[in-house]
């Protein structure tokens, strides 16, 4: 019986798998940040190129 209790205690105190979960969460957060940044950058670039196209069209007219 003591062996079973010791095995259970050792299992509960083992933190080896926790690092993998933590790395997974970090990767997910970095991925989300990159997605938001690229989305905002894409919207900003669309606006810049639209303004340039409008100015070229007005200059050509």
C-alpha atoms as a PDB file:
ATOM      1  CA  UNK A   1       0.000   0.000   0.000  1.00  0.00           C
ATOM      2  CA  UNK A   2       2.863   2.377   0.799  1.00  0.00           C
ATOM      3  CA  UNK A   3       4.303   1.749  -2.646  1.00  0.00           C
ATOM      4  CA  UNK A   4       1.025   2.832  -4.268  1.00  0.00           C
ATOM      5  CA  UNK A   5       0.891   6.002  -2.148  1.00  0.00           C
ATOM      6  CA  UNK A   6       4.521   6.762  -3.043  1.00  0.00           C
ATOM      7  CA  UNK A   7       3.844   6.267  -6.748  1.00  0.00           C
ATOM      8  CA  UNK A   8       0.822   8.586  -6.567  1.00  0.00           C
ATOM      9  CA  UNK A   9       2.783  11.251  -4.672  1.00  0.00           C
ATOM     10  CA  UNK A  10       5.668  11.035  -7.135  1.00  0.00           C
ATOM     11  CA  UNK A  11       3.234  11.378 -10.031  1.00  0.00           C
ATOM     12  CA  UNK A  12       1.569  14.462  -8.540  1.00  0.00           C
ATOM     13  CA  UNK A  13       4.908  16.134  -7.817  1.00  0.00           C
ATOM     14  CA  UNK A  14       6.312  15.481 -11.300  1.00  0.00           C
ATOM     15  CA  UNK A  15       6.497  18.790 -13.183  1.00  0.00           C
ATOM     16  CA  UNK A  16       8.216  17.591 -16.326  1.00  0.00           C
ATOM     17  CA  UNK A  17       5.098  17.849 -18.513  1.00  0.00           C
ATOM     18  CA  UNK A  18       4.302  21.333 -17.243  1.00  0.00           C
ATOM     19  CA  UNK A  19       7.135  22.869 -19.228  1.00  0.00           C
ATOM     20  CA  UNK A  20       5.730  21.471 -22.481  1.00  0.00           C
ATOM     21  CA  UNK A  21       2.337  22.999 -21.691  1.00  0.00           C
ATOM     22  CA  UNK A  22       3.945  26.327 -20.844  1.00  0.00           C
ATOM     23  CA  UNK A  23       5.899  26.349 -24.106  1.00  0.00           C
ATOM     24  CA  UNK A  24       2.686  25.542 -25.972  1.00  0.00           C
ATOM     25  CA  UNK A  25       0.928  28.500 -24.370  1.00  0.00           C
ATOM     26  CA  UNK A  26       3.823  30.820 -25.201  1.00  0.00           C
ATOM     27  CA  UNK A  27       3.788  29.678 -28.827  1.00  0.00           C
ATOM     28  CA  UNK A  28       0.013  30.219 -29.023  1.00  0.00           C
ATOM     29  CA  UNK A  29       0.315  33.744 -27.599  1.00  0.00           C
ATOM     30  CA  UNK A  30       3.153  34.643 -29.968  1.00  0.00           C
ATOM     31  CA  UNK A  31       1.121  33.306 -32.887  1.00  0.00           C
ATOM     32  CA  UNK A  32      -1.889  35.383 -31.861  1.00  0.00           C
ATOM     33  CA  UNK A  33       0.269  38.508 -31.542  1.00  0.00           C
ATOM     34  CA  UNK A  34       1.758  37.941 -34.998  1.00  0.00           C
ATOM     35  CA  UNK A  35      -1.712  37.450 -36.473  1.00  0.00           C
ATOM     36  CA  UNK A  36      -2.972  40.712 -34.975  1.00  0.00           C
ATOM     37  CA  UNK A  37       0.141  42.615 -36.075  1.00  0.00           C
ATOM     38  CA  UNK A  38      -0.016  41.340 -39.662  1.00  0.00           C
ATOM     39  CA  UNK A  39      -3.740  42.060 -39.854  1.00  0.00           C
ATOM     40  CA  UNK A  40      -3.237  45.647 -38.681  1.00  0.00           C
ATOM     41  CA  UNK A  41      -0.252  46.111 -40.982  1.00  0.00           C
ATOM     42  CA  UNK A  42      -2.248  44.784 -43.940  1.00  0.00           C
ATOM     43  CA  UNK A  43      -5.103  47.200 -43.282  1.00  0.00           C
ATOM     44  CA  UNK A  44      -2.663  50.103 -42.969  1.00  0.00           C
ATOM     45  CA  UNK A  45      -0.893  49.188 -46.210  1.00  0.00           C
ATOM     46  CA  UNK A  46      -4.195  48.933 -48.052  1.00  0.00           C
ATOM     47  CA  UNK A  47      -5.061  52.456 -46.945  1.00  0.00           C
ATOM     48  CA  UNK A  48      -1.637  53.800 -47.986  1.00  0.00           C
ATOM     49  CA  UNK A  49      -1.786  52.257 -51.465  1.00  0.00           C
ATOM     50  CA  UNK A  50      -5.388  53.407 -51.944  1.00  0.00           C
ATOM     51  CA  UNK A  51      -4.344  56.968 -51.140  1.00  0.00           C
ATOM     52  CA  UNK A  52      -1.398  56.748 -53.540  1.00  0.00           C
ATOM     53  CA  UNK A  53      -3.640  55.385 -56.311  1.00  0.00           C
ATOM     54  CA  UNK A  54      -6.157  58.185 -55.736  1.00  0.00           C
ATOM     55  CA  UNK A  55      -3.428  60.852 -55.897  1.00  0.00           C
ATOM     56  CA  UNK A  56      -2.013  59.371 -59.110  1.00  0.00           C
ATOM     57  CA  UNK A  57      -5.488  59.299 -60.645  1.00  0.00           C
ATOM     58  CA  UNK A  58      -6.097  62.941 -59.690  1.00  0.00           C
ATOM     59  CA  UNK A  59      -2.691  63.992 -60.993  1.00  0.00           C
ATOM     60  CA  UNK A  60      -3.277  62.252 -64.311  1.00  0.00           C
ATOM     61  CA  UNK A  61      -6.674  63.898 -64.787  1.00  0.00           C
END
